[in-house]
Amino acid sequence: MTTTEKIANAKKRIDELERLIKFWNNSEQDETKIANFPIKIENKVA
């Protein structure tokens, strides 16, 4: 494998990792929005 091929493969891996990081960051933000959602609980007796 030539140096040029190694560099190209490394760039592909870096791009994939950057996409994963963005995905994880977005999913964490979505989870915090859900976790901070106010829930009203009423105690009712039948």
N, C-alpha and C. Protein backbone atom coordinates (compact mmCIF):
# COMPACT_ATOMS: atom_id res chain seq x y z
N MET A 1 0.85 -1.18 0.00
CA MET A 1 0.00 0.00 0.00
C MET A 1 0.90 1.24 0.00
N THR A 2 0.59 2.15 -0.90
CA THR A 2 1.43 3.34 -1.00
C THR A 2 1.02 4.37 0.06
N THR A 3 1.87 5.35 0.21
CA THR A 3 1.60 6.41 1.18
C THR A 3 0.33 7.16 0.81
N THR A 4 0.11 7.38 -0.47
CA THR A 4 -1.09 8.09 -0.92
C THR A 4 -2.34 7.31 -0.56
N GLU A 5 -2.31 6.00 -0.71
CA GLU A 5 -3.46 5.15 -0.35
C GLU A 5 -3.70 5.18 1.16
N LYS A 6 -2.63 5.15 1.93
CA LYS A 6 -2.76 5.20 3.39
C LYS A 6 -3.40 6.51 3.82
N ILE A 7 -2.97 7.61 3.19
CA ILE A 7 -3.54 8.92 3.53
C ILE A 7 -5.01 8.97 3.16
N ALA A 8 -5.37 8.44 2.00
CA ALA A 8 -6.76 8.43 1.56
C ALA A 8 -7.63 7.61 2.52
N ASN A 9 -7.13 6.45 2.95
CA ASN A 9 -7.88 5.62 3.91
C ASN A 9 -8.02 6.32 5.26
N ALA A 10 -6.97 7.00 5.68
CA ALA A 10 -7.04 7.72 6.96
C ALA A 10 -8.07 8.84 6.89
N LYS A 11 -8.12 9.55 5.76
CA LYS A 11 -9.11 10.62 5.61
C LYS A 11 -10.52 10.06 5.65
N LYS A 12 -10.74 8.90 5.03
CA LYS A 12 -12.06 8.27 5.07
C LYS A 12 -12.46 7.94 6.50
N ARG A 13 -11.53 7.38 7.26
CA ARG A 13 -11.81 7.03 8.66
C ARG A 13 -12.10 8.28 9.49
N ILE A 14 -11.34 9.34 9.25
CA ILE A 14 -11.57 10.59 9.99
C ILE A 14 -12.95 11.13 9.68
N ASP A 15 -13.34 11.11 8.40
CA ASP A 15 -14.68 11.58 8.01
C ASP A 15 -15.77 10.76 8.69
N GLU A 16 -15.59 9.44 8.73
CA GLU A 16 -16.57 8.57 9.38
C GLU A 16 -16.67 8.90 10.87
N LEU A 17 -15.54 9.10 11.51
CA LEU A 17 -15.54 9.42 12.94
C LEU A 17 -16.21 10.76 13.20
N GLU A 18 -15.95 11.75 12.34
CA GLU A 18 -16.58 13.06 12.52
C GLU A 18 -18.10 12.95 12.38
N ARG A 19 -18.57 12.13 11.42
CA ARG A 19 -20.01 11.94 11.26
C ARG A 19 -20.61 11.27 12.50
N LEU A 20 -19.90 10.28 13.04
CA LEU A 20 -20.37 9.61 14.26
C LEU A 20 -20.44 10.57 15.44
N ILE A 21 -19.43 11.40 15.59
CA ILE A 21 -19.40 12.37 16.69
C ILE A 21 -20.57 13.33 16.57
N LYS A 22 -20.84 13.83 15.36
CA LYS A 22 -21.98 14.73 15.16
C LYS A 22 -23.28 14.01 15.50
N PHE A 23 -23.41 12.76 15.07
CA PHE A 23 -24.62 11.99 15.36
C PHE A 23 -24.80 11.82 16.86
N TRP A 24 -23.71 11.45 17.56
CA TRP A 24 -23.79 11.25 19.00
C TRP A 24 -24.14 12.55 19.72
N ASN A 25 -23.55 13.66 19.28
CA ASN A 25 -23.86 14.95 19.90
C ASN A 25 -25.33 15.30 19.71
N ASN A 26 -25.85 15.07 18.52
CA ASN A 26 -27.26 15.35 18.25
C ASN A 26 -28.16 14.46 19.08
N SER A 27 -27.81 13.18 19.22
CA SER A 27 -28.65 12.27 19.99
C SER A 27 -28.62 12.63 21.47
N GLU A 28 -27.48 13.10 21.98
CA GLU A 28 -27.40 13.50 23.38
C GLU A 28 -28.27 14.73 23.63
N GLN A 29 -28.29 15.67 22.69
CA GLN A 29 -29.12 16.85 22.84
C GLN A 29 -30.59 16.47 22.83
N ASP A 30 -30.98 15.54 21.97
CA ASP A 30 -32.36 15.08 21.92
C ASP A 30 -32.76 14.42 23.24
N GLU A 31 -31.87 13.63 23.82
CA GLU A 31 -32.15 12.96 25.08
C GLU A 31 -32.33 13.98 26.20
N THR A 32 -31.52 15.03 26.21
CA THR A 32 -31.65 16.02 27.27
C THR A 32 -32.96 16.78 27.13
N LYS A 33 -33.39 17.02 25.91
CA LYS A 33 -34.67 17.68 25.71
C LYS A 33 -35.80 16.80 26.25
N ILE A 34 -35.69 15.51 26.01
CA ILE A 34 -36.72 14.59 26.49
C ILE A 34 -36.65 14.49 28.01
N ALA A 35 -35.45 14.42 28.57
CA ALA A 35 -35.29 14.26 30.00
C ALA A 35 -35.78 15.50 30.76
N ASN A 36 -35.66 16.68 30.16
CA ASN A 36 -36.07 17.91 30.83
C ASN A 36 -37.53 18.25 30.58
N PHE A 37 -38.25 17.39 29.91
CA PHE A 37 -39.65 17.65 29.61
C PHE A 37 -40.45 17.57 30.90
N PRO A 38 -41.20 18.62 31.24
CA PRO A 38 -41.96 18.58 32.50
C PRO A 38 -43.11 17.58 32.42
N ILE A 39 -43.26 16.82 33.48
CA ILE A 39 -44.31 15.81 33.55
C ILE A 39 -45.22 16.15 34.71
N LYS A 40 -46.52 16.22 34.43
CA LYS A 40 -47.50 16.51 35.48
C LYS A 40 -48.10 15.20 35.95
N ILE A 41 -47.97 14.93 37.23
CA ILE A 41 -48.49 13.70 37.80
C ILE A 41 -49.59 14.06 38.78
N GLU A 42 -50.76 13.48 38.57
CA GLU A 42 -51.88 13.75 39.46
C GLU A 42 -52.21 12.48 40.23
N ASN A 43 -52.45 12.63 41.52
CA ASN A 43 -52.85 11.50 42.35
C ASN A 43 -54.37 11.47 42.39
N LYS A 44 -54.94 10.44 41.84
CA LYS A 44 -56.40 10.30 41.83
C LYS A 44 -56.77 9.00 42.51
N VAL A 45 -57.83 9.05 43.27
CA VAL A 45 -58.32 7.86 43.94
C VAL A 45 -59.63 7.46 43.26
N ALA A 46 -59.72 6.19 42.90
CA ALA A 46 -60.93 5.72 42.19
C ALA A 46 -62.06 5.47 43.15
